[in-house]
Amino acid sequence: MDLGQEATRRAVGKITADDSHFILRDDNLQSILSAKNIFDAFLARYDGGFFVHPLLCRLLHFAVTHSADYEKQAFEILDFGIKHNRAISKRLRCDSILQNGDLLHNNKIVGRALVFRATEALDGTDTLFAKLDELNSSVQSIRTKQSYLAGGYSGLSVRLADGVIEKERTFNECEYTFLKRLAENGYAKSPRYLGAKKGKDLFTYIKGKTIAYTHEMSEVAIVEMTNELKAINTISKKYLGSNVYVHGDLGAQNVVFSDSKIAGIIDWDNTFIGEEYDDFIYVFWTWANVGNLQRNDERMFGLLKIMIDTYQPDNKFLSNFPDKIWQRMEHKLTSTPVGSKTYGRIFDWVKWSQQWVEKYSNRISHEIG
């Protein structure tokens, strides 16, 4: 029997302690996704009820994070999940949705939605990203009192309950202090810190959508984000002088959008006091998508100049700017554990990005700083 078909047959059957390790290994996930008609076995055991097979979430995550090889399979799972979730939304009311998709009512599991939670920036096509957005919308359509949120990459459990965001405590005084100072200065696009309760940090909820993948944002969006960063750093400098509070991960995945406009900036978990250019460089790197293998090198340089013209930094900010870009990229790599699953992808992303810095170093120094 084909290994993929055998893996699928075993996976969709009753999962026991003896074979649970078998279906969780990456090579077996690859075998299942490579099999012909992988959905035949799943659908044969699907009665159109409230439960989706838990393995589909694992398969979906693997297919999306390896979309160069498994994009077709990712679309198949996504289409199935969207249909399943929408059917649930019409027929079932529950108390909460857990991060794994389990639906709870009166503390009992009454169904399971297909969910996808990004834990890192993704590479893929715009069509795939649009389908992921459609899946997220189908989950949000399920009637519930509280749910876990998929936006942002904080790495913490994030739950919306009674209109308030609950997260694991960070005990990061920089985060709490700066959010308070932003609110005191009338900055409305950051969550307000409401204090702690039962081991959770509480924040106000900013309604809108986040982006769970890296792609080149529009020039309009980049300019808008640059203006927001300028406003945030201006408030920082009122308290810190030449330094600022640094978000540290201001990719588009940590920004909430409403009607294509920036509604909020979230996930300040790792806030620290640093240099004014730290977040600026990261915004350029990720929003212009310098790490894209199909990038337009000249357009990247044009977007950097637009950001500089918008932000209007001083000479200290611009001094040795190519080196500062390089070092910010290198910091991303050195802060990633070598043995982690994402290290190889981040290594390639950083080194490809740094090639762009090398190519344009002289122009950056001559025309920018």
Protein backbone atom coordinates (compact mmCIF):
# COMPACT_ATOMS: atom_id res chain seq x y z
CA MET A 1 0.00 0.00 0.00
CA ASP A 2 1.15 3.58 -0.70
CA LEU A 3 2.79 5.02 2.43
CA GLY A 4 0.67 8.13 2.23
CA GLN A 5 -2.55 6.16 1.99
CA GLU A 6 -1.47 3.95 4.89
CA ALA A 7 -0.61 7.01 6.98
CA THR A 8 -3.98 8.53 6.17
CA ARG A 9 -5.83 5.29 6.96
CA ARG A 10 -4.17 5.05 10.37
CA ALA A 11 -4.55 8.77 11.11
CA VAL A 12 -8.27 9.03 10.52
CA GLY A 13 -8.96 5.90 12.48
CA LYS A 14 -9.08 5.80 16.25
CA ILE A 15 -5.91 7.49 17.56
CA THR A 16 -4.34 5.50 20.37
CA ALA A 17 -1.36 6.16 22.59
CA ASP A 18 0.61 3.62 20.55
CA ASP A 19 0.35 5.42 17.22
CA SER A 20 -0.08 9.06 18.24
CA HIS A 21 3.64 9.65 17.75
CA PHE A 22 3.35 8.24 14.22
CA ILE A 23 0.87 10.83 12.99
CA LEU A 24 2.68 13.78 14.61
CA ARG A 25 6.03 13.31 12.91
CA ASP A 26 6.76 15.66 10.02
CA ASP A 27 7.71 12.86 7.64
CA ASN A 28 4.34 11.19 8.21
CA LEU A 29 2.50 14.47 7.67
CA GLN A 30 4.40 14.72 4.38
CA SER A 31 3.32 11.19 3.47
CA ILE A 32 -0.33 11.98 4.14
CA LEU A 33 -0.24 15.24 2.16
CA SER A 34 1.51 13.47 -0.74
CA ALA A 35 -1.09 10.69 -0.99
CA LYS A 36 -3.71 10.73 -3.73
CA ASN A 37 -7.20 11.78 -2.68
CA ILE A 38 -6.22 12.30 0.95
CA PHE A 39 -9.68 13.63 1.70
CA ASP A 40 -11.44 10.43 0.73
CA ALA A 41 -10.54 8.82 4.05
CA PHE A 42 -11.44 11.93 6.06
CA LEU A 43 -14.75 12.54 4.32
CA ALA A 44 -15.75 8.90 4.63
CA ARG A 45 -15.79 9.41 8.38
CA TYR A 46 -17.31 12.90 8.32
CA ASP A 47 -21.05 12.99 8.94
CA GLY A 48 -21.55 16.72 8.50
CA GLY A 49 -21.77 17.18 12.27
CA PHE A 50 -20.04 19.65 14.56
CA PHE A 51 -16.63 17.95 14.78
CA VAL A 52 -13.73 18.19 12.34
CA HIS A 53 -10.92 15.63 12.63
CA PRO A 54 -8.15 17.11 14.86
CA LEU A 55 -5.43 15.93 12.49
CA LEU A 56 -6.65 18.38 9.83
CA CYS A 57 -5.35 21.30 11.91
CA ARG A 58 -1.89 19.73 11.98
CA LEU A 59 -2.01 18.97 8.27
CA LEU A 60 -3.20 22.49 7.49
CA HIS A 61 -0.41 24.11 9.50
CA PHE A 62 2.22 21.91 7.85
CA ALA A 63 0.82 22.51 4.35
CA VAL A 64 0.67 26.30 4.83
CA THR A 65 4.15 26.57 6.33
CA HIS A 66 5.48 24.43 3.44
CA SER A 67 3.25 25.98 0.80
CA ALA A 68 5.90 25.80 -1.93
CA ASP A 69 5.34 22.02 -1.92
CA TYR A 70 1.80 21.65 -0.55
CA GLU A 71 -0.22 24.69 -1.61
CA LYS A 72 -2.81 22.56 -3.46
CA GLN A 73 -3.39 20.45 -0.36
CA ALA A 74 -3.60 23.58 1.81
CA PHE A 75 -6.40 24.91 -0.40
CA GLU A 76 -8.27 21.61 -0.19
CA ILE A 77 -8.15 21.64 3.61
CA LEU A 78 -9.02 25.34 3.79
CA ASP A 79 -12.04 24.98 1.50
CA PHE A 80 -13.27 22.05 3.57
CA GLY A 81 -12.71 23.93 6.84
CA ILE A 82 -14.48 27.08 5.67
CA LYS A 83 -17.54 25.07 4.65
CA HIS A 84 -17.47 23.17 7.96
CA ASN A 85 -17.12 26.31 10.10
CA ARG A 86 -19.91 28.13 8.30
CA ALA A 87 -22.20 25.14 8.79
CA ILE A 88 -21.39 25.21 12.52
CA SER A 89 -22.11 28.95 12.72
CA LYS A 90 -25.65 28.38 11.42
CA ARG A 91 -26.49 25.51 13.76
CA LEU A 92 -24.53 25.79 16.99
CA ARG A 93 -24.19 28.30 19.80
CA CYS A 94 -21.41 27.80 22.35
CA ASP A 95 -19.71 29.50 25.29
CA SER A 96 -16.15 29.63 23.97
CA ILE A 97 -13.71 28.56 21.25
CA LEU A 98 -10.34 27.20 22.38
CA GLN A 99 -7.10 27.71 20.46
CA ASN A 100 -7.27 24.19 19.02
CA GLY A 101 -10.78 24.83 17.67
CA ASP A 102 -12.71 22.98 20.39
CA LEU A 103 -16.14 24.51 21.03
CA LEU A 104 -17.28 24.48 24.66
CA HIS A 105 -20.77 24.76 26.09
CA ASN A 106 -21.39 24.29 29.82
CA ASN A 107 -17.77 23.09 30.11
CA LYS A 108 -18.36 20.27 27.60
CA ILE A 109 -16.85 19.93 24.12
CA VAL A 110 -19.77 20.17 21.71
CA GLY A 111 -17.88 20.58 18.44
CA ARG A 112 -14.57 21.39 16.79
CA ALA A 113 -13.89 24.09 14.20
CA LEU A 114 -10.95 24.10 11.80
CA VAL A 115 -8.59 26.86 12.94
CA PHE A 116 -5.20 28.15 11.90
CA ARG A 117 -2.95 30.14 14.21
CA ALA A 118 0.21 31.61 12.72
CA THR A 119 3.21 31.52 15.04
CA GLU A 120 5.65 33.06 12.58
CA ALA A 121 5.64 35.12 9.40
CA LEU A 122 4.52 33.05 6.42
CA ASP A 123 5.63 32.89 2.82
CA GLY A 124 3.02 32.19 0.16
CA THR A 125 0.82 33.59 -2.56
CA ASP A 126 -1.73 36.35 -2.14
CA THR A 127 -4.41 33.82 -3.10
CA LEU A 128 -3.39 31.55 -0.22
CA PHE A 129 -3.37 34.46 2.21
CA ALA A 130 -6.84 35.50 1.08
CA LYS A 131 -8.07 31.96 1.72
CA LEU A 132 -6.54 32.02 5.22
CA ASP A 133 -8.41 35.27 5.88
CA GLU A 134 -11.59 33.54 4.72
CA LEU A 135 -10.97 30.71 7.19
CA ASN A 136 -10.45 33.19 10.03
CA SER A 137 -13.69 34.94 9.09
CA SER A 138 -15.54 31.63 9.15
CA VAL A 139 -14.27 30.96 12.68
CA GLN A 140 -15.29 34.45 13.82
CA SER A 141 -18.79 33.87 12.47
CA ILE A 142 -19.40 31.11 15.05
CA ARG A 143 -21.63 32.48 17.81
CA THR A 144 -19.77 32.44 21.11
CA LYS A 145 -19.31 34.47 24.28
CA GLN A 146 -15.52 34.35 24.25
CA SER A 147 -12.73 33.10 21.98
CA TYR A 148 -8.99 32.90 21.53
CA LEU A 149 -7.58 35.31 18.97
CA ALA A 150 -5.31 34.36 16.09
CA GLY A 151 -3.81 37.80 15.49
CA GLY A 152 -0.27 38.77 16.40
CA TYR A 153 2.77 36.63 17.23
CA SER A 154 3.07 37.27 20.93
CA GLY A 155 3.47 33.57 21.65
CA LEU A 156 1.08 33.99 24.56
CA SER A 157 -2.47 32.72 24.95
CA VAL A 158 -4.69 35.61 23.91
CA ARG A 159 -8.41 35.47 24.69
CA LEU A 160 -11.24 37.90 24.09
CA ALA A 161 -13.77 37.66 26.92
CA ASP A 162 -16.60 40.12 27.51
CA GLY A 163 -14.91 42.67 25.28
CA VAL A 164 -11.57 42.53 27.14
CA ILE A 165 -8.29 40.96 26.00
CA GLU A 166 -6.78 38.47 28.48
CA LYS A 167 -3.14 37.40 28.08
CA GLU A 168 -0.57 35.58 30.14
CA ARG A 169 1.26 38.05 32.38
CA THR A 170 4.54 39.36 30.95
CA PHE A 171 5.65 41.21 34.09
CA ASN A 172 7.25 43.67 31.65
CA GLU A 173 7.14 47.06 33.35
CA CYS A 174 8.29 48.74 30.13
CA GLU A 175 5.16 47.45 28.40
CA TYR A 176 2.78 48.56 31.16
CA THR A 177 4.44 51.96 31.61
CA PHE A 178 4.58 52.84 27.95
CA LEU A 179 0.99 51.83 27.21
CA LYS A 180 -0.06 54.04 30.12
CA ARG A 181 2.00 56.93 28.77
CA LEU A 182 0.58 56.51 25.28
CA ALA A 183 -2.94 56.72 26.71
CA GLU A 184 -2.06 59.76 28.83
CA ASN A 185 -0.82 61.53 25.71
CA GLY A 186 -4.01 60.79 23.78
CA TYR A 187 -2.61 58.13 21.48
CA ALA A 188 -5.67 56.04 20.61
CA LYS A 189 -4.18 53.26 18.49
CA SER A 190 -2.61 51.20 21.25
CA PRO A 191 -4.49 48.97 23.70
CA ARG A 192 -4.94 50.40 27.19
CA TYR A 193 -3.53 48.32 30.01
CA LEU A 194 -6.33 47.56 32.49
CA GLY A 195 -4.22 45.81 35.10
CA ALA A 196 -3.87 42.17 36.13
CA LYS A 197 -6.40 39.65 37.38
CA LYS A 198 -6.00 35.97 38.22
CA GLY A 199 -2.58 35.76 36.59
CA LYS A 200 -3.69 37.49 33.40
CA ASP A 201 -2.85 40.90 31.92
CA LEU A 202 -5.99 42.72 30.77
CA PHE A 203 -6.16 45.11 27.82
CA THR A 204 -8.81 46.92 25.83
CA TYR A 205 -9.77 45.24 22.57
CA ILE A 206 -9.06 46.88 19.21
CA LYS A 207 -11.52 45.61 16.62
CA GLY A 208 -10.26 44.80 13.14
CA LYS A 209 -8.06 42.33 11.25
CA THR A 210 -4.40 41.40 11.44
CA ILE A 211 -2.19 39.95 8.70
CA ALA A 212 -0.68 36.54 9.42
CA TYR A 213 1.92 36.60 6.66
CA THR A 214 4.73 38.70 5.23
CA HIS A 215 4.22 40.42 1.92
CA GLU A 216 4.98 43.81 0.42
CA MET A 217 2.53 46.29 1.85
CA SER A 218 1.28 49.18 -0.25
CA GLU A 219 3.16 52.46 -0.29
CA VAL A 220 0.12 54.12 1.30
CA ALA A 221 0.17 51.63 4.20
CA ILE A 222 3.94 52.01 4.66
CA VAL A 223 3.64 55.80 4.84
CA GLU A 224 0.75 55.49 7.30
CA MET A 225 2.76 53.14 9.53
CA THR A 226 5.77 55.47 9.36
CA ASN A 227 3.62 58.35 10.59
CA GLU A 228 2.29 56.19 13.45
CA LEU A 229 5.84 55.25 14.43
CA LYS A 230 6.87 58.90 14.40
CA ALA A 231 3.98 59.77 16.72
CA ILE A 232 4.81 56.90 19.08
CA ASN A 233 8.51 57.75 19.21
CA THR A 234 7.76 61.44 19.79
CA ILE A 235 5.82 60.47 22.93
CA SER A 236 8.66 58.16 24.02
CA LYS A 237 11.24 60.93 23.77
CA LYS A 238 9.21 63.15 26.09
CA TYR A 239 10.18 60.71 28.85
CA LEU A 240 13.42 59.13 27.64
CA GLY A 241 15.24 61.89 25.82
CA SER A 242 17.19 60.43 22.90
CA ASN A 243 15.96 56.86 23.51
CA VAL A 244 12.51 55.40 22.85
CA TYR A 245 10.31 52.52 23.90
CA VAL A 246 10.87 49.85 21.23
CA HIS A 247 8.08 47.44 20.25
CA GLY A 248 10.59 45.00 18.76
CA ASP A 249 8.28 43.19 16.33
CA LEU A 250 6.38 45.81 14.34
CA GLY A 251 5.59 43.62 11.39
CA ALA A 252 2.12 43.98 9.88
CA GLN A 253 0.99 40.91 11.84
CA ASN A 254 1.03 43.04 15.00
CA VAL A 255 -1.02 45.84 13.49
CA VAL A 256 -4.83 45.86 13.42
CA PHE A 257 -6.47 47.12 10.22
CA SER A 258 -10.00 48.40 9.73
CA ASP A 259 -11.18 49.37 6.23
CA SER A 260 -7.52 49.16 5.09
CA LYS A 261 -6.52 51.80 7.67
CA ILE A 262 -4.39 51.24 10.77
CA ALA A 263 -6.72 50.92 13.76
CA GLY A 264 -4.22 49.76 16.34
CA ILE A 265 -0.79 48.38 17.21
CA ILE A 266 -0.85 45.31 19.45
CA ASP A 267 1.40 42.82 21.25
CA TRP A 268 3.74 45.09 23.18
CA ASP A 269 4.89 42.09 25.26
CA ASN A 270 8.60 42.55 24.51
CA THR A 271 8.79 46.33 24.81
CA PHE A 272 12.23 47.61 25.83
CA ILE A 273 14.11 50.90 25.90
CA GLY A 274 16.33 51.23 22.85
CA GLU A 275 17.26 53.26 19.81
CA GLU A 276 14.86 55.34 17.74
CA TYR A 277 15.84 53.55 14.54
CA ASP A 278 15.14 50.00 15.86
CA ASP A 279 11.44 49.82 15.00
CA PHE A 280 11.88 52.02 11.92
CA ILE A 281 14.30 49.55 10.33
CA TYR A 282 12.11 46.58 11.21
CA VAL A 283 9.07 48.26 9.66
CA PHE A 284 11.02 48.91 6.46
CA TRP A 285 12.41 45.37 6.39
CA THR A 286 9.07 43.61 6.88
CA TRP A 287 6.56 46.04 5.33
CA ALA A 288 8.62 46.50 2.15
CA ASN A 289 9.34 42.73 2.35
CA VAL A 290 13.04 43.04 1.60
CA GLY A 291 13.41 39.30 2.24
CA ASN A 292 11.16 38.39 -0.72
CA LEU A 293 13.03 36.25 -3.26
CA GLN A 294 11.13 37.97 -6.09
CA ARG A 295 11.70 41.49 -4.76
CA ASN A 296 12.27 44.52 -6.96
CA ASP A 297 15.56 45.81 -5.54
CA GLU A 298 15.13 49.34 -6.85
CA ARG A 299 11.60 49.58 -5.49
CA MET A 300 12.90 48.56 -2.05
CA PHE A 301 15.32 51.49 -2.15
CA GLY A 302 12.53 53.81 -3.28
CA LEU A 303 10.33 52.72 -0.38
CA LEU A 304 13.17 53.33 2.08
CA LYS A 305 13.61 56.88 0.74
CA ILE A 306 9.86 57.48 1.06
CA MET A 307 9.96 56.32 4.68
CA ILE A 308 12.93 58.60 5.40
CA ASP A 309 11.18 61.58 3.78
CA THR A 310 8.05 60.83 5.82
CA TYR A 311 9.80 60.32 9.16
CA GLN A 312 12.34 63.16 8.84
CA PRO A 313 14.98 61.67 11.19
CA ASP A 314 17.96 63.62 12.51
CA ASN A 315 21.60 63.09 11.55
CA LYS A 316 22.30 60.84 14.54
CA PHE A 317 19.49 58.52 13.39
CA LEU A 318 20.93 58.37 9.85
CA SER A 319 24.62 58.05 10.76
CA ASN A 320 26.06 54.78 9.38
CA PHE A 321 22.56 53.75 8.39
CA PRO A 322 23.53 50.73 6.21
CA ASP A 323 25.36 49.25 9.20
CA LYS A 324 22.33 49.80 11.41
CA ILE A 325 20.06 47.99 8.93
CA TRP A 326 22.53 45.11 8.70
CA GLN A 327 22.87 44.83 12.48
CA ARG A 328 19.06 44.85 12.99
CA MET A 329 18.77 41.97 10.54
CA GLU A 330 21.63 40.09 12.17
CA HIS A 331 20.02 40.53 15.60
CA LYS A 332 16.91 38.72 14.33
CA LEU A 333 19.09 35.75 13.38
CA THR A 334 21.21 35.64 16.53
CA SER A 335 18.11 35.87 18.73
CA THR A 336 16.59 32.78 17.04
CA PRO A 337 17.59 29.46 18.70
CA VAL A 338 19.80 27.51 16.29
CA GLY A 339 17.96 24.27 16.98
CA SER A 340 14.48 25.69 16.42
CA LYS A 341 12.31 24.64 13.48
CA THR A 342 12.24 28.20 12.16
CA TYR A 343 16.00 28.80 12.24
CA GLY A 344 16.69 27.60 8.70
CA ARG A 345 13.94 29.73 7.19
CA ILE A 346 14.98 32.80 9.19
CA PHE A 347 18.63 32.24 8.26
CA ASP A 348 17.77 32.29 4.55
CA TRP A 349 15.47 35.29 5.01
CA VAL A 350 18.11 37.32 6.86
CA LYS A 351 20.97 36.49 4.51
CA TRP A 352 18.91 37.27 1.41
CA SER A 353 17.85 40.56 3.00
CA GLN A 354 21.44 41.40 3.87
CA GLN A 355 22.44 40.88 0.25
CA TRP A 356 20.15 43.79 -0.58
CA VAL A 357 21.84 45.93 2.08
CA GLU A 358 25.26 45.09 0.60
CA LYS A 359 24.10 45.98 -2.90
CA TYR A 360 22.67 49.36 -1.87
CA SER A 361 25.07 50.24 0.94
CA ASN A 362 26.86 52.97 -0.99
CA ARG A 363 23.64 54.53 -2.26
CA ILE A 364 22.12 54.47 1.20
CA SER A 365 25.22 56.19 2.61
CA HIS A 366 25.33 58.75 -0.20
CA GLU A 367 21.63 59.55 -0.56
CA ILE A 368 20.33 58.83 2.96
CA GLY A 369 23.06 58.65 5.57
